[in-house]
N, C-alpha and C. Protein backbone atom coordinates (compact mmCIF):
# COMPACT_ATOMS: atom_id res chain seq x y z
N MET A 1 30.74 -32.91 29.95
CA MET A 1 30.03 -32.04 29.22
C MET A 1 28.64 -32.42 28.98
N SER A 2 27.68 -31.66 29.43
CA SER A 2 26.23 -32.16 29.29
C SER A 2 25.74 -31.84 27.94
N LEU A 3 24.89 -32.74 27.42
CA LEU A 3 24.38 -32.65 26.07
C LEU A 3 22.89 -32.45 26.11
N ASP A 4 22.28 -31.50 25.40
CA ASP A 4 20.89 -31.19 25.43
C ASP A 4 20.22 -32.20 24.38
N SER A 5 18.89 -32.10 24.33
CA SER A 5 18.18 -33.05 23.45
C SER A 5 18.55 -32.98 22.02
N ALA A 6 18.81 -31.70 21.50
CA ALA A 6 19.17 -31.59 20.09
C ALA A 6 20.58 -32.29 19.84
N ASP A 7 21.44 -32.14 20.83
CA ASP A 7 22.75 -32.88 20.69
C ASP A 7 22.57 -34.30 20.70
N GLN A 8 21.60 -34.77 21.58
CA GLN A 8 21.40 -36.27 21.65
C GLN A 8 20.92 -36.81 20.33
N GLU A 9 20.04 -35.96 19.59
CA GLU A 9 19.50 -36.37 18.26
C GLU A 9 20.70 -36.52 17.32
N VAL A 10 21.54 -35.54 17.31
CA VAL A 10 22.68 -35.56 16.43
C VAL A 10 23.58 -36.68 16.71
N LEU A 11 23.81 -36.97 18.01
CA LEU A 11 24.76 -38.06 18.39
C LEU A 11 24.33 -39.38 17.75
N ALA A 12 23.05 -39.63 17.67
CA ALA A 12 22.52 -40.84 17.02
C ALA A 12 22.91 -41.02 15.65
N LEU A 13 23.23 -39.85 14.95
CA LEU A 13 23.53 -39.90 13.49
C LEU A 13 24.99 -40.01 13.23
N LEU A 14 25.85 -39.80 14.20
CA LEU A 14 27.25 -39.78 13.92
C LEU A 14 27.93 -41.18 13.85
N PRO A 15 29.00 -41.20 13.05
CA PRO A 15 29.84 -42.47 13.07
C PRO A 15 30.38 -42.67 14.49
N ASP A 16 30.65 -43.94 14.78
CA ASP A 16 31.02 -44.27 16.14
C ASP A 16 32.24 -43.50 16.69
N GLU A 17 33.26 -43.32 15.89
CA GLU A 17 34.46 -42.65 16.36
C GLU A 17 34.15 -41.20 16.79
N LEU A 18 33.36 -40.57 15.86
CA LEU A 18 32.94 -39.16 16.09
C LEU A 18 31.97 -39.09 17.26
N ARG A 19 31.11 -40.04 17.38
CA ARG A 19 30.15 -39.97 18.49
C ARG A 19 30.81 -40.03 19.87
N GLN A 20 31.89 -40.87 19.93
CA GLN A 20 32.65 -40.99 21.20
C GLN A 20 33.22 -39.59 21.62
N ILE A 21 33.81 -38.92 20.57
CA ILE A 21 34.44 -37.61 20.84
C ILE A 21 33.36 -36.60 21.17
N ALA A 22 32.22 -36.59 20.46
CA ALA A 22 31.15 -35.64 20.71
C ALA A 22 30.52 -35.82 22.10
N GLU A 23 30.43 -37.08 22.57
CA GLU A 23 29.91 -37.27 23.89
C GLU A 23 30.79 -36.68 24.93
N ILE A 24 32.07 -36.48 24.65
CA ILE A 24 32.98 -35.92 25.63
C ILE A 24 32.99 -34.38 25.52
N ILE A 25 33.09 -33.86 24.35
CA ILE A 25 33.23 -32.43 24.16
C ILE A 25 32.03 -31.67 23.66
N GLY A 26 30.99 -32.39 23.32
CA GLY A 26 29.79 -31.76 22.75
C GLY A 26 29.80 -31.79 21.23
N VAL A 27 28.65 -31.80 20.63
CA VAL A 27 28.46 -31.84 19.17
C VAL A 27 29.11 -30.60 18.50
N ASP A 28 28.84 -29.47 19.00
CA ASP A 28 29.42 -28.25 18.36
C ASP A 28 30.96 -28.32 18.25
N ALA A 29 31.64 -28.72 19.32
CA ALA A 29 33.09 -28.78 19.37
C ALA A 29 33.60 -29.91 18.47
N ALA A 30 32.88 -31.03 18.53
CA ALA A 30 33.23 -32.15 17.64
C ALA A 30 33.18 -31.79 16.16
N LEU A 31 32.14 -31.08 15.74
CA LEU A 31 31.98 -30.60 14.41
C LEU A 31 33.12 -29.65 14.02
N LYS A 32 33.53 -28.83 14.94
CA LYS A 32 34.68 -27.88 14.64
C LYS A 32 35.92 -28.66 14.41
N LEU A 33 36.14 -29.73 15.16
CA LEU A 33 37.32 -30.64 14.97
C LEU A 33 37.27 -31.26 13.61
N VAL A 34 36.10 -31.78 13.24
CA VAL A 34 35.98 -32.43 11.93
C VAL A 34 36.23 -31.42 10.78
N ILE A 35 35.71 -30.31 10.88
CA ILE A 35 35.92 -29.25 9.78
C ILE A 35 37.39 -28.87 9.71
N ALA A 36 37.97 -28.62 10.91
CA ALA A 36 39.41 -28.10 10.88
C ALA A 36 40.44 -29.19 10.68
N ARG A 37 40.18 -30.44 11.20
CA ARG A 37 41.23 -31.47 11.20
C ARG A 37 40.75 -32.84 10.74
N GLY A 38 39.59 -32.89 10.13
CA GLY A 38 39.08 -34.18 9.70
C GLY A 38 39.98 -34.89 8.79
N GLY A 39 40.18 -36.21 8.98
CA GLY A 39 41.05 -36.98 8.16
C GLY A 39 42.45 -37.01 8.63
N THR A 40 42.73 -36.41 9.78
CA THR A 40 44.10 -36.47 10.35
C THR A 40 44.06 -36.94 11.78
N SER A 41 45.20 -37.22 12.31
CA SER A 41 45.29 -37.57 13.70
C SER A 41 45.75 -36.38 14.50
N LEU A 42 45.33 -36.33 15.78
CA LEU A 42 45.60 -35.19 16.66
C LEU A 42 46.13 -35.62 17.95
N TYR A 43 47.28 -35.09 18.34
CA TYR A 43 47.84 -35.40 19.66
C TYR A 43 47.07 -34.69 20.74
N VAL A 44 46.62 -35.41 21.77
CA VAL A 44 45.89 -34.75 22.93
C VAL A 44 46.94 -34.76 24.02
N PRO A 45 47.28 -33.49 24.52
CA PRO A 45 48.26 -33.38 25.57
C PRO A 45 47.67 -34.00 26.86
N ILE A 46 48.63 -34.32 27.75
CA ILE A 46 48.27 -34.85 29.08
C ILE A 46 47.51 -33.79 29.87
N GLU A 47 48.04 -32.53 29.75
CA GLU A 47 47.34 -31.44 30.41
C GLU A 47 47.07 -30.38 29.36
N MET A 48 45.86 -29.97 29.12
CA MET A 48 45.46 -28.94 28.10
C MET A 48 45.97 -27.59 28.62
N THR A 49 46.55 -26.86 27.65
CA THR A 49 46.95 -25.49 27.94
C THR A 49 46.22 -24.54 26.96
N ALA A 50 46.04 -23.34 27.34
CA ALA A 50 45.34 -22.31 26.48
C ALA A 50 46.05 -22.14 25.11
N ASP A 51 47.33 -22.29 25.09
CA ASP A 51 48.03 -22.13 23.76
C ASP A 51 48.02 -23.34 22.85
N HIS A 52 47.52 -24.46 23.30
CA HIS A 52 47.48 -25.65 22.47
C HIS A 52 46.46 -25.43 21.30
N ALA A 53 46.73 -26.07 20.18
CA ALA A 53 45.89 -25.91 19.02
C ALA A 53 44.47 -26.45 19.26
N ILE A 54 44.28 -27.43 20.06
CA ILE A 54 42.95 -27.96 20.35
C ILE A 54 42.12 -26.92 21.11
N ALA A 55 42.74 -26.33 22.11
CA ALA A 55 42.05 -25.29 22.92
C ALA A 55 41.68 -24.13 22.00
N GLY A 56 42.50 -23.80 20.98
CA GLY A 56 42.18 -22.75 20.07
C GLY A 56 41.04 -23.09 19.16
N LEU A 57 40.90 -24.35 18.86
CA LEU A 57 39.82 -24.83 17.98
C LEU A 57 38.46 -24.96 18.73
N ILE A 58 38.53 -25.59 19.85
CA ILE A 58 37.22 -25.90 20.49
C ILE A 58 36.99 -25.31 21.81
N GLY A 59 37.94 -24.43 22.32
CA GLY A 59 37.84 -23.84 23.61
C GLY A 59 38.45 -24.63 24.68
N MET A 60 38.77 -23.96 25.75
CA MET A 60 39.54 -24.56 26.83
C MET A 60 38.69 -25.59 27.55
N GLU A 61 37.44 -25.40 27.83
CA GLU A 61 36.61 -26.34 28.57
C GLU A 61 36.54 -27.71 27.79
N ALA A 62 36.22 -27.58 26.55
CA ALA A 62 36.10 -28.88 25.74
C ALA A 62 37.51 -29.42 25.67
N GLY A 63 38.56 -28.68 25.48
CA GLY A 63 39.84 -29.19 25.34
C GLY A 63 40.26 -29.89 26.55
N ARG A 64 39.96 -29.46 27.78
CA ARG A 64 40.29 -30.07 29.02
C ARG A 64 39.50 -31.39 29.14
N ALA A 65 38.28 -31.37 28.76
CA ALA A 65 37.41 -32.62 28.76
C ALA A 65 38.00 -33.67 27.89
N LEU A 66 38.47 -33.34 26.63
CA LEU A 66 39.17 -34.22 25.78
C LEU A 66 40.41 -34.80 26.39
N SER A 67 41.19 -33.92 26.97
CA SER A 67 42.47 -34.25 27.53
C SER A 67 42.33 -35.12 28.71
N LYS A 68 41.26 -34.99 29.41
CA LYS A 68 41.00 -35.85 30.63
C LYS A 68 40.80 -37.27 30.20
N ILE A 69 40.26 -37.54 29.00
CA ILE A 69 39.97 -38.91 28.55
C ILE A 69 41.07 -39.45 27.75
N TYR A 70 41.69 -38.62 26.82
CA TYR A 70 42.68 -39.11 25.92
C TYR A 70 44.10 -38.55 26.25
N GLN A 71 44.40 -38.48 27.46
CA GLN A 71 45.73 -37.94 27.92
C GLN A 71 46.85 -38.53 27.16
N GLY A 72 47.67 -37.72 26.45
CA GLY A 72 48.88 -38.13 25.83
C GLY A 72 48.70 -39.06 24.62
N GLU A 73 47.44 -39.16 24.14
CA GLU A 73 47.19 -40.12 23.01
C GLU A 73 46.99 -39.37 21.70
N LYS A 74 47.14 -40.06 20.64
CA LYS A 74 46.85 -39.52 19.37
C LYS A 74 45.45 -40.14 18.94
N ILE A 75 44.53 -39.23 18.57
CA ILE A 75 43.22 -39.65 18.16
C ILE A 75 42.96 -39.32 16.70
N GLU A 76 42.22 -40.22 16.05
CA GLU A 76 41.87 -39.98 14.62
C GLU A 76 40.64 -39.15 14.59
N ILE A 77 40.67 -38.06 13.80
CA ILE A 77 39.55 -37.31 13.54
C ILE A 77 38.95 -37.63 12.23
N PRO A 78 37.76 -38.34 12.21
CA PRO A 78 37.25 -38.79 10.87
C PRO A 78 36.91 -37.55 9.98
N ARG A 79 36.90 -37.76 8.70
CA ARG A 79 36.49 -36.71 7.79
C ARG A 79 34.98 -36.56 7.84
N ALA A 80 34.27 -37.66 7.90
CA ALA A 80 32.81 -37.55 8.06
C ALA A 80 32.18 -36.71 6.91
N LEU A 81 32.68 -36.87 5.69
CA LEU A 81 32.19 -36.05 4.63
C LEU A 81 30.72 -36.06 4.38
N GLY A 82 30.17 -37.17 4.39
CA GLY A 82 28.73 -37.33 4.18
C GLY A 82 27.86 -36.70 5.26
N TRP A 83 28.44 -36.53 6.45
CA TRP A 83 27.71 -36.09 7.58
C TRP A 83 27.80 -34.63 7.87
N ARG A 84 28.89 -33.98 7.40
CA ARG A 84 29.20 -32.61 7.85
C ARG A 84 28.07 -31.62 7.59
N SER A 85 27.65 -31.46 6.32
CA SER A 85 26.62 -30.48 6.06
C SER A 85 25.28 -30.85 6.66
N ALA A 86 24.96 -32.14 6.70
CA ALA A 86 23.71 -32.56 7.27
C ALA A 86 23.63 -32.25 8.69
N ILE A 87 24.69 -32.51 9.42
CA ILE A 87 24.76 -32.27 10.83
C ILE A 87 24.84 -30.78 11.12
N ARG A 88 25.65 -30.07 10.34
CA ARG A 88 25.65 -28.60 10.52
C ARG A 88 24.23 -28.01 10.27
N ASP A 89 23.58 -28.50 9.23
CA ASP A 89 22.25 -28.01 9.01
C ASP A 89 21.30 -28.24 10.15
N LEU A 90 21.39 -29.42 10.76
CA LEU A 90 20.60 -29.75 11.90
C LEU A 90 20.86 -28.98 13.11
N LEU A 91 22.25 -28.73 13.36
CA LEU A 91 22.66 -27.89 14.48
C LEU A 91 22.08 -26.49 14.32
N ILE A 92 22.26 -25.94 13.04
CA ILE A 92 21.76 -24.58 12.81
C ILE A 92 20.17 -24.53 13.14
N TYR A 93 19.48 -25.55 12.62
CA TYR A 93 18.10 -25.57 12.78
C TYR A 93 17.73 -25.64 14.29
N GLN A 94 18.45 -26.44 15.08
CA GLN A 94 18.23 -26.49 16.45
C GLN A 94 18.57 -25.12 17.17
N GLN A 95 19.74 -24.60 16.79
CA GLN A 95 20.24 -23.37 17.42
C GLN A 95 19.29 -22.23 17.06
N SER A 96 18.59 -22.26 15.88
CA SER A 96 17.72 -21.20 15.50
C SER A 96 16.53 -21.00 16.36
N LYS A 97 16.24 -22.00 17.20
CA LYS A 97 15.14 -21.89 18.16
C LYS A 97 15.49 -20.90 19.30
N THR A 98 16.79 -20.60 19.50
CA THR A 98 17.15 -19.66 20.56
C THR A 98 18.00 -18.52 20.05
N ASP A 99 18.60 -18.63 18.91
CA ASP A 99 19.53 -17.63 18.42
C ASP A 99 18.99 -17.03 17.10
N SER A 100 19.38 -15.79 16.88
CA SER A 100 18.98 -15.10 15.64
C SER A 100 19.82 -15.69 14.41
N GLN A 101 19.26 -15.50 13.21
CA GLN A 101 19.92 -15.91 12.02
C GLN A 101 21.29 -15.20 11.90
N SER A 102 21.32 -13.96 12.31
CA SER A 102 22.58 -13.17 12.17
C SER A 102 23.66 -13.76 13.13
N LYS A 103 23.24 -14.08 14.39
CA LYS A 103 24.12 -14.66 15.33
C LYS A 103 24.63 -16.07 14.88
N LEU A 104 23.74 -16.85 14.25
CA LEU A 104 24.14 -18.18 13.68
C LEU A 104 25.18 -17.92 12.51
N ALA A 105 24.85 -16.98 11.67
CA ALA A 105 25.74 -16.77 10.55
C ALA A 105 27.13 -16.44 11.03
N ILE A 106 27.28 -15.63 12.04
CA ILE A 106 28.61 -15.33 12.56
C ILE A 106 29.24 -16.52 13.23
N ARG A 107 28.47 -17.26 13.94
CA ARG A 107 28.98 -18.52 14.65
C ARG A 107 29.50 -19.52 13.62
N HIS A 108 28.79 -19.74 12.59
CA HIS A 108 29.09 -20.75 11.69
C HIS A 108 29.90 -20.31 10.41
N GLY A 109 30.22 -18.95 10.34
CA GLY A 109 31.00 -18.44 9.29
C GLY A 109 30.26 -18.49 7.96
N LEU A 110 28.92 -18.29 8.02
CA LEU A 110 28.13 -18.30 6.86
C LEU A 110 27.36 -17.02 6.65
N THR A 111 26.69 -16.82 5.55
CA THR A 111 25.83 -15.71 5.36
C THR A 111 24.44 -16.03 5.93
N VAL A 112 23.65 -14.95 6.13
CA VAL A 112 22.32 -15.16 6.67
C VAL A 112 21.45 -16.02 5.71
N ARG A 113 21.69 -15.76 4.38
CA ARG A 113 21.00 -16.58 3.36
C ARG A 113 21.36 -18.05 3.49
N SER A 114 22.70 -18.32 3.70
CA SER A 114 23.09 -19.71 3.88
C SER A 114 22.51 -20.31 5.11
N ILE A 115 22.27 -19.55 6.12
CA ILE A 115 21.67 -20.04 7.37
C ILE A 115 20.19 -20.44 7.03
N ARG A 116 19.53 -19.54 6.32
CA ARG A 116 18.12 -19.86 5.93
C ARG A 116 18.06 -21.14 5.08
N ASN A 117 18.99 -21.25 4.18
CA ASN A 117 18.98 -22.49 3.33
C ASN A 117 19.25 -23.70 4.17
N ALA A 118 20.20 -23.64 5.12
CA ALA A 118 20.54 -24.75 5.99
C ALA A 118 19.29 -25.08 6.84
N MET A 119 18.57 -24.17 7.30
CA MET A 119 17.37 -24.45 8.11
C MET A 119 16.33 -25.10 7.27
N ARG A 120 16.24 -24.69 6.03
CA ARG A 120 15.22 -25.33 5.13
C ARG A 120 15.55 -26.75 4.79
N ARG A 121 16.90 -26.99 4.57
CA ARG A 121 17.33 -28.39 4.32
C ARG A 121 17.14 -29.28 5.45
N ALA A 122 17.38 -28.71 6.65
CA ALA A 122 17.21 -29.51 7.94
C ALA A 122 15.65 -29.80 8.04
N GLU A 123 14.86 -28.84 7.86
CA GLU A 123 13.38 -29.05 7.93
C GLU A 123 12.97 -30.18 6.91
N ASP A 124 13.51 -30.09 5.69
CA ASP A 124 13.17 -31.13 4.74
C ASP A 124 13.55 -32.49 5.15
N ARG A 125 14.84 -32.61 5.72
CA ARG A 125 15.38 -33.89 6.22
C ARG A 125 14.51 -34.47 7.35
N LEU A 126 14.22 -33.55 8.27
CA LEU A 126 13.49 -34.01 9.51
C LEU A 126 12.03 -34.39 9.06
N GLY A 127 11.51 -33.77 8.07
CA GLY A 127 10.21 -34.06 7.60
C GLY A 127 10.14 -35.42 6.88
N SER A 128 11.27 -35.79 6.29
CA SER A 128 11.26 -37.12 5.60
C SER A 128 11.87 -38.26 6.40
N GLY A 129 11.80 -38.16 7.75
CA GLY A 129 12.19 -39.20 8.57
C GLY A 129 13.69 -39.37 8.71
N SER A 130 14.18 -40.46 8.15
CA SER A 130 15.63 -40.88 8.38
C SER A 130 16.50 -40.43 7.22
N ALA A 131 16.21 -39.32 6.54
CA ALA A 131 17.01 -38.88 5.47
C ALA A 131 18.42 -38.51 5.98
N LEU A 132 18.59 -38.08 7.14
CA LEU A 132 19.91 -37.76 7.66
C LEU A 132 20.76 -39.02 7.76
N VAL A 133 20.11 -40.07 8.14
CA VAL A 133 20.86 -41.31 8.36
C VAL A 133 21.41 -41.83 7.00
N ARG A 134 20.65 -41.59 5.96
CA ARG A 134 21.02 -42.02 4.60
C ARG A 134 22.15 -41.18 3.97
N GLN A 135 22.63 -40.17 4.68
CA GLN A 135 23.67 -39.30 4.15
C GLN A 135 25.00 -40.07 4.04
N GLY A 136 25.16 -41.12 4.85
CA GLY A 136 26.26 -42.06 4.85
C GLY A 136 27.60 -41.52 4.72
């Protein structure tokens, strides 16, 4: 899975376990896993199928990429509580360069107002240097 420059920025902020997963399936898909299954372990099948829970969460392409590396293994999905909203805000901010606020609201399950607030928080964090890193 190829990562763009925005994803590369986010990768640098992630805890090691989550960074490894995000490098394989992409930041967006990794964030979906954390939100849906953070704090649990997840069995990765030897061969990904369309009806597997992972494919339902992150899509077939990302599911296959994960399965290629972690065939038949159980992986721990970190909760990453301190990182979730900061990373989501940064993703929304980066995605807002190419997508409308309405499209982002639908993608992230938020209101347009929440999208604007997320963009403002990300701008504030980016403006203050390493504030995202201090989210811990």
